[in-house]
Amino acid sequence: MFAVAAGGYLTTRSLLRATHVSRLQSDFVSAVSHEFRTPLTAIRHLSQLLARGRVSSDERRAAFYELLVHESDRLHRLDRGPVELRPTRSRRAGLQLRVGGPGAVPARDRRGLST
């Protein structure tokens, strides 16, 4: 009887570990995908505004070009930089991906996004 109970416990524990590893893999893929999509979306948006002539002044155009360089640098860091994973503090356990340093656009750069 003890052997059956021990076997059931070990099977359950093994299944829980496999589920946990699967969730970690899914979270990692999701984080990497997000880190690539964010600068690509910004580059696309900025370049469309510039191409369509929707940027009103030379000063704003210069700021947009600066943001394009910043976002392309982010992509370059993703390609070249070390990957660092940190646990997140949220209800849903997961990982937060940092590649080559912080990935957020500084507040001073976000102001230049409006047309």
N, C-alpha and C. Protein backbone atom coordinates (compact mmCIF):
# COMPACT_ATOMS: atom_id res chain seq x y z
N MET A 1 0.82 -1.19 0.00
CA MET A 1 0.00 0.00 0.00
C MET A 1 0.88 1.27 0.00
N PHE A 2 1.96 1.20 0.78
CA PHE A 2 2.87 2.34 0.85
C PHE A 2 3.49 2.63 -0.52
N ALA A 3 3.82 1.58 -1.26
CA ALA A 3 4.44 1.74 -2.58
C ALA A 3 3.49 2.44 -3.54
N VAL A 4 2.21 2.15 -3.48
CA VAL A 4 1.22 2.78 -4.35
C VAL A 4 1.10 4.27 -4.02
N ALA A 5 1.05 4.59 -2.73
CA ALA A 5 0.95 5.98 -2.31
C ALA A 5 2.20 6.76 -2.71
N ALA A 6 3.37 6.18 -2.53
CA ALA A 6 4.62 6.83 -2.89
C ALA A 6 4.69 7.04 -4.41
N GLY A 7 4.24 6.05 -5.16
CA GLY A 7 4.22 6.18 -6.63
C GLY A 7 3.29 7.28 -7.08
N GLY A 8 2.12 7.37 -6.46
CA GLY A 8 1.18 8.44 -6.79
C GLY A 8 1.74 9.81 -6.47
N TYR A 9 2.40 9.92 -5.32
CA TYR A 9 3.02 11.20 -4.91
C TYR A 9 4.09 11.61 -5.92
N LEU A 10 4.98 10.66 -6.27
CA LEU A 10 6.07 10.98 -7.19
C LEU A 10 5.55 11.34 -8.59
N THR A 11 4.51 10.67 -9.03
CA THR A 11 3.91 10.98 -10.33
C THR A 11 3.31 12.38 -10.32
N THR A 12 2.57 12.70 -9.27
CA THR A 12 1.97 14.03 -9.14
C THR A 12 3.04 15.11 -9.10
N ARG A 13 4.08 14.87 -8.33
CA ARG A 13 5.17 15.84 -8.22
C ARG A 13 5.85 16.05 -9.57
N SER A 14 6.06 14.96 -10.30
CA SER A 14 6.69 15.05 -11.61
C SER A 14 5.82 15.85 -12.59
N LEU A 15 4.52 15.62 -12.56
CA LEU A 15 3.60 16.37 -13.43
C LEU A 15 3.58 17.86 -13.08
N LEU A 16 3.62 18.17 -11.80
CA LEU A 16 3.63 19.59 -11.38
C LEU A 16 4.91 20.28 -11.85
N ARG A 17 6.04 19.59 -11.75
CA ARG A 17 7.30 20.17 -12.22
C ARG A 17 7.27 20.40 -13.73
N ALA A 18 6.75 19.43 -14.47
CA ALA A 18 6.67 19.57 -15.92
C ALA A 18 5.77 20.75 -16.30
N THR A 19 4.67 20.91 -15.58
CA THR A 19 3.77 22.04 -15.83
C THR A 19 4.47 23.36 -15.54
N HIS A 20 5.22 23.40 -14.45
CA HIS A 20 5.95 24.62 -14.07
C HIS A 20 7.00 24.98 -15.13
N VAL A 21 7.75 24.00 -15.59
CA VAL A 21 8.77 24.25 -16.62
C VAL A 21 8.11 24.73 -17.91
N SER A 22 6.99 24.14 -18.26
CA SER A 22 6.27 24.55 -19.46
C SER A 22 5.82 26.00 -19.35
N ARG A 23 5.34 26.39 -18.17
CA ARG A 23 4.89 27.77 -17.95
C ARG A 23 6.08 28.73 -18.04
N LEU A 24 7.22 28.35 -17.47
CA LEU A 24 8.41 29.20 -17.56
C LEU A 24 8.85 29.39 -19.01
N GLN A 25 8.81 28.32 -19.79
CA GLN A 25 9.19 28.42 -21.20
C GLN A 25 8.23 29.35 -21.95
N SER A 26 6.96 29.21 -21.69
CA SER A 26 5.96 30.05 -22.34
C SER A 26 6.14 31.52 -21.96
N ASP A 27 6.41 31.79 -20.68
CA ASP A 27 6.64 33.16 -20.23
C ASP A 27 7.89 33.76 -20.87
N PHE A 28 8.92 32.94 -21.01
CA PHE A 28 10.16 33.41 -21.61
C PHE A 28 9.93 33.79 -23.07
N VAL A 29 9.28 32.93 -23.82
CA VAL A 29 9.00 33.21 -25.23
C VAL A 29 8.15 34.47 -25.36
N SER A 30 7.17 34.61 -24.49
CA SER A 30 6.30 35.79 -24.51
C SER A 30 7.11 37.06 -24.22
N ALA A 31 8.00 37.00 -23.24
CA ALA A 31 8.81 38.17 -22.89
C ALA A 31 9.76 38.56 -24.02
N VAL A 32 10.40 37.58 -24.63
CA VAL A 32 11.31 37.86 -25.75
C VAL A 32 10.54 38.45 -26.92
N SER A 33 9.40 37.87 -27.21
CA SER A 33 8.57 38.38 -28.29
C SER A 33 8.16 39.83 -28.04
N HIS A 34 7.77 40.14 -26.82
CA HIS A 34 7.39 41.51 -26.47
C HIS A 34 8.57 42.46 -26.63
N GLU A 35 9.74 42.04 -26.19
CA GLU A 35 10.93 42.90 -26.28
C GLU A 35 11.29 43.21 -27.72
N PHE A 36 11.02 42.31 -28.64
CA PHE A 36 11.27 42.58 -30.05
C PHE A 36 10.17 43.42 -30.68
N ARG A 37 8.92 43.16 -30.31
CA ARG A 37 7.81 43.89 -30.92
C ARG A 37 7.77 45.36 -30.52
N THR A 38 8.15 45.68 -29.29
CA THR A 38 8.05 47.06 -28.81
C THR A 38 8.86 48.03 -29.67
N PRO A 39 10.17 47.82 -29.86
CA PRO A 39 10.89 48.77 -30.71
C PRO A 39 10.46 48.71 -32.17
N LEU A 40 10.09 47.54 -32.66
CA LEU A 40 9.63 47.45 -34.05
C LEU A 40 8.36 48.27 -34.27
N THR A 41 7.45 48.21 -33.31
CA THR A 41 6.22 48.99 -33.41
C THR A 41 6.52 50.48 -33.39
N ALA A 42 7.42 50.90 -32.51
CA ALA A 42 7.78 52.32 -32.44
C ALA A 42 8.45 52.78 -33.73
N ILE A 43 9.36 51.97 -34.26
CA ILE A 43 10.03 52.33 -35.51
C ILE A 43 9.02 52.44 -36.64
N ARG A 44 8.12 51.51 -36.72
CA ARG A 44 7.09 51.55 -37.78
C ARG A 44 6.23 52.80 -37.65
N HIS A 45 5.77 53.08 -36.45
CA HIS A 45 4.90 54.24 -36.22
C HIS A 45 5.63 55.55 -36.57
N LEU A 46 6.83 55.71 -36.07
CA LEU A 46 7.59 56.94 -36.32
C LEU A 46 7.90 57.11 -37.80
N SER A 47 8.32 56.01 -38.45
CA SER A 47 8.67 56.13 -39.87
C SER A 47 7.43 56.42 -40.73
N GLN A 48 6.28 55.87 -40.37
CA GLN A 48 5.06 56.18 -41.11
C GLN A 48 4.68 57.64 -40.98
N LEU A 49 4.77 58.17 -39.78
CA LEU A 49 4.46 59.59 -39.58
C LEU A 49 5.39 60.48 -40.39
N LEU A 50 6.68 60.15 -40.40
CA LEU A 50 7.64 60.93 -41.16
C LEU A 50 7.38 60.80 -42.67
N ALA A 51 7.14 59.59 -43.14
CA ALA A 51 6.93 59.34 -44.57
C ALA A 51 5.66 60.03 -45.08
N ARG A 52 4.65 60.14 -44.25
CA ARG A 52 3.38 60.75 -44.67
C ARG A 52 3.36 62.26 -44.45
N GLY A 53 4.46 62.81 -43.96
CA GLY A 53 4.54 64.25 -43.76
C GLY A 53 3.67 64.77 -42.64
N ARG A 54 3.43 63.96 -41.64
CA ARG A 54 2.53 64.34 -40.55
C ARG A 54 3.25 64.95 -39.35
N VAL A 55 4.53 65.22 -39.51
CA VAL A 55 5.28 65.85 -38.43
C VAL A 55 5.40 67.32 -38.78
N SER A 56 4.91 68.17 -37.88
CA SER A 56 4.68 69.56 -38.20
C SER A 56 5.93 70.44 -38.31
N SER A 57 6.96 70.18 -37.55
CA SER A 57 8.11 71.10 -37.55
C SER A 57 9.42 70.34 -37.72
N ASP A 58 10.45 71.09 -38.08
CA ASP A 58 11.78 70.50 -38.21
C ASP A 58 12.29 69.99 -36.87
N GLU A 59 11.95 70.70 -35.80
CA GLU A 59 12.37 70.30 -34.46
C GLU A 59 11.76 68.94 -34.09
N ARG A 60 10.49 68.78 -34.39
CA ARG A 60 9.81 67.50 -34.11
C ARG A 60 10.35 66.38 -34.99
N ARG A 61 10.63 66.70 -36.25
CA ARG A 61 11.22 65.70 -37.14
C ARG A 61 12.56 65.23 -36.60
N ALA A 62 13.36 66.16 -36.14
CA ALA A 62 14.66 65.80 -35.56
C ALA A 62 14.48 64.89 -34.33
N ALA A 63 13.48 65.20 -33.50
CA ALA A 63 13.20 64.37 -32.32
C ALA A 63 12.75 62.97 -32.75
N PHE A 64 11.97 62.90 -33.81
CA PHE A 64 11.51 61.60 -34.30
C PHE A 64 12.69 60.78 -34.83
N TYR A 65 13.58 61.44 -35.56
CA TYR A 65 14.76 60.73 -36.06
C TYR A 65 15.62 60.22 -34.90
N GLU A 66 15.71 61.01 -33.86
CA GLU A 66 16.46 60.60 -32.66
C GLU A 66 15.81 59.37 -32.02
N LEU A 67 14.49 59.37 -31.97
CA LEU A 67 13.77 58.21 -31.43
C LEU A 67 13.97 56.97 -32.31
N LEU A 68 14.01 57.16 -33.62
CA LEU A 68 14.27 56.03 -34.51
C LEU A 68 15.64 55.41 -34.22
N VAL A 69 16.63 56.26 -34.00
CA VAL A 69 17.97 55.76 -33.66
C VAL A 69 17.93 55.02 -32.32
N HIS A 70 17.22 55.60 -31.35
CA HIS A 70 17.11 54.98 -30.02
C HIS A 70 16.47 53.59 -30.12
N GLU A 71 15.38 53.48 -30.86
CA GLU A 71 14.67 52.20 -30.97
C GLU A 71 15.49 51.18 -31.76
N SER A 72 16.20 51.62 -32.78
CA SER A 72 17.04 50.68 -33.53
C SER A 72 18.21 50.22 -32.66
N ASP A 73 18.70 51.09 -31.77
CA ASP A 73 19.74 50.68 -30.81
C ASP A 73 19.20 49.62 -29.86
N ARG A 74 17.94 49.76 -29.46
CA ARG A 74 17.32 48.74 -28.59
C ARG A 74 17.31 47.39 -29.29
N LEU A 75 16.95 47.38 -30.57
CA LEU A 75 16.96 46.12 -31.32
C LEU A 75 18.36 45.55 -31.41
N HIS A 76 19.33 46.42 -31.61
CA HIS A 76 20.72 45.97 -31.68
C HIS A 76 21.15 45.33 -30.36
N ARG A 77 20.76 45.95 -29.24
CA ARG A 77 21.09 45.37 -27.92
C ARG A 77 20.43 44.02 -27.72
N LEU A 78 19.21 43.86 -28.26
CA LEU A 78 18.55 42.56 -28.17
C LEU A 78 19.36 41.49 -28.90
N ASP A 79 19.92 41.89 -30.02
CA ASP A 79 20.70 40.96 -30.82
C ASP A 79 22.06 40.67 -30.19
N ARG A 80 22.65 41.66 -29.56
CA ARG A 80 24.02 41.54 -29.05
C ARG A 80 24.14 41.41 -27.53
N GLY A 81 23.12 41.90 -26.81
CA GLY A 81 23.24 42.00 -25.36
C GLY A 81 22.94 40.70 -24.63
N PRO A 82 23.42 40.61 -23.40
CA PRO A 82 23.12 39.43 -22.58
C PRO A 82 21.66 39.43 -22.16
N VAL A 83 21.10 38.27 -22.03
CA VAL A 83 19.72 38.13 -21.58
C VAL A 83 19.73 37.92 -20.07
N GLU A 84 18.92 38.70 -19.38
CA GLU A 84 18.83 38.61 -17.93
C GLU A 84 17.37 38.40 -17.55
N LEU A 85 17.10 37.38 -16.78
CA LEU A 85 15.74 37.10 -16.35
C LEU A 85 15.62 37.40 -14.86
N ARG A 86 14.53 38.07 -14.49
CA ARG A 86 14.26 38.37 -13.09
C ARG A 86 12.85 37.94 -12.75
N PRO A 87 12.64 37.42 -11.56
CA PRO A 87 11.27 37.08 -11.17
C PRO A 87 10.42 38.34 -11.08
N THR A 88 9.16 38.24 -11.46
CA THR A 88 8.26 39.38 -11.37
C THR A 88 7.48 39.31 -10.08
N ARG A 89 6.99 40.43 -9.66
CA ARG A 89 6.14 40.49 -8.47
C ARG A 89 4.72 40.75 -8.92
N SER A 90 4.03 39.70 -9.23
CA SER A 90 2.65 39.83 -9.67
C SER A 90 1.89 38.61 -9.21
N ARG A 91 0.59 38.65 -9.41
CA ARG A 91 -0.22 37.50 -9.05
C ARG A 91 0.22 36.27 -9.82
N ARG A 92 0.41 36.48 -11.10
CA ARG A 92 0.83 35.36 -11.95
C ARG A 92 2.34 35.27 -11.91
N ALA A 93 2.85 34.18 -11.40
CA ALA A 93 4.29 34.01 -11.31
C ALA A 93 4.86 34.01 -12.72
N GLY A 94 5.97 34.68 -12.89
CA GLY A 94 6.56 34.73 -14.21
C GLY A 94 7.94 35.32 -14.17
N LEU A 95 8.46 35.62 -15.34
CA LEU A 95 9.78 36.19 -15.47
C LEU A 95 9.69 37.48 -16.25
N GLN A 96 10.59 38.39 -15.94
CA GLN A 96 10.69 39.64 -16.66
C GLN A 96 12.02 39.62 -17.40
N LEU A 97 11.99 39.93 -18.68
CA LEU A 97 13.18 39.88 -19.51
C LEU A 97 13.82 41.26 -19.59
N ARG A 98 15.11 41.30 -19.37
CA ARG A 98 15.89 42.53 -19.57
C ARG A 98 17.03 42.16 -20.50
N VAL A 99 17.18 42.89 -21.58
CA VAL A 99 18.22 42.61 -22.54
C VAL A 99 19.09 43.84 -22.67
N GLY A 100 20.35 43.70 -22.33
CA GLY A 100 21.30 44.78 -22.49
C GLY A 100 20.92 46.05 -21.76
N GLY A 101 20.19 45.97 -20.68
CA GLY A 101 19.81 47.14 -19.90
C GLY A 101 18.32 47.39 -20.00
N PRO A 102 17.87 48.45 -19.34
CA PRO A 102 16.44 48.75 -19.32
C PRO A 102 15.91 48.96 -20.72
N GLY A 103 14.70 48.45 -20.97
CA GLY A 103 14.14 48.55 -22.31
C GLY A 103 13.12 49.66 -22.49
N ALA A 104 12.78 50.36 -21.45
CA ALA A 104 11.73 51.37 -21.57
C ALA A 104 12.26 52.63 -22.23
N VAL A 105 11.41 53.28 -22.98
CA VAL A 105 11.75 54.57 -23.57
C VAL A 105 11.68 55.61 -22.46
N PRO A 106 12.75 56.38 -22.23
CA PRO A 106 12.71 57.39 -21.18
C PRO A 106 11.57 58.39 -21.41
N ALA A 107 11.05 58.96 -20.34
CA ALA A 107 9.92 59.89 -20.42
C ALA A 107 10.24 61.05 -21.35
N ARG A 108 11.46 61.54 -21.34
CA ARG A 108 11.82 62.67 -22.21
C ARG A 108 11.68 62.30 -23.68
N ASP A 109 11.87 61.01 -24.03
CA ASP A 109 11.72 60.58 -25.41
C ASP A 109 10.26 60.33 -25.78
N ARG A 110 9.45 59.90 -24.82
CA ARG A 110 8.04 59.63 -25.10
C ARG A 110 7.31 60.91 -25.46
N ARG A 111 7.74 62.06 -24.92
CA ARG A 111 7.05 63.32 -25.22
C ARG A 111 7.09 63.63 -26.71
N GLY A 112 8.14 63.21 -27.40
CA GLY A 112 8.28 63.52 -28.82
C GLY A 112 7.42 62.66 -29.74
N LEU A 113 6.65 61.73 -29.18
CA LEU A 113 5.88 60.82 -30.02
C LEU A 113 4.62 61.42 -30.59
N SER A 114 4.10 62.49 -30.01
CA SER A 114 2.87 63.07 -30.55
C SER A 114 3.22 63.93 -31.76
N THR A 115 2.26 64.06 -32.67
CA THR A 115 2.52 64.83 -33.90
C THR A 115 2.16 66.28 -33.72
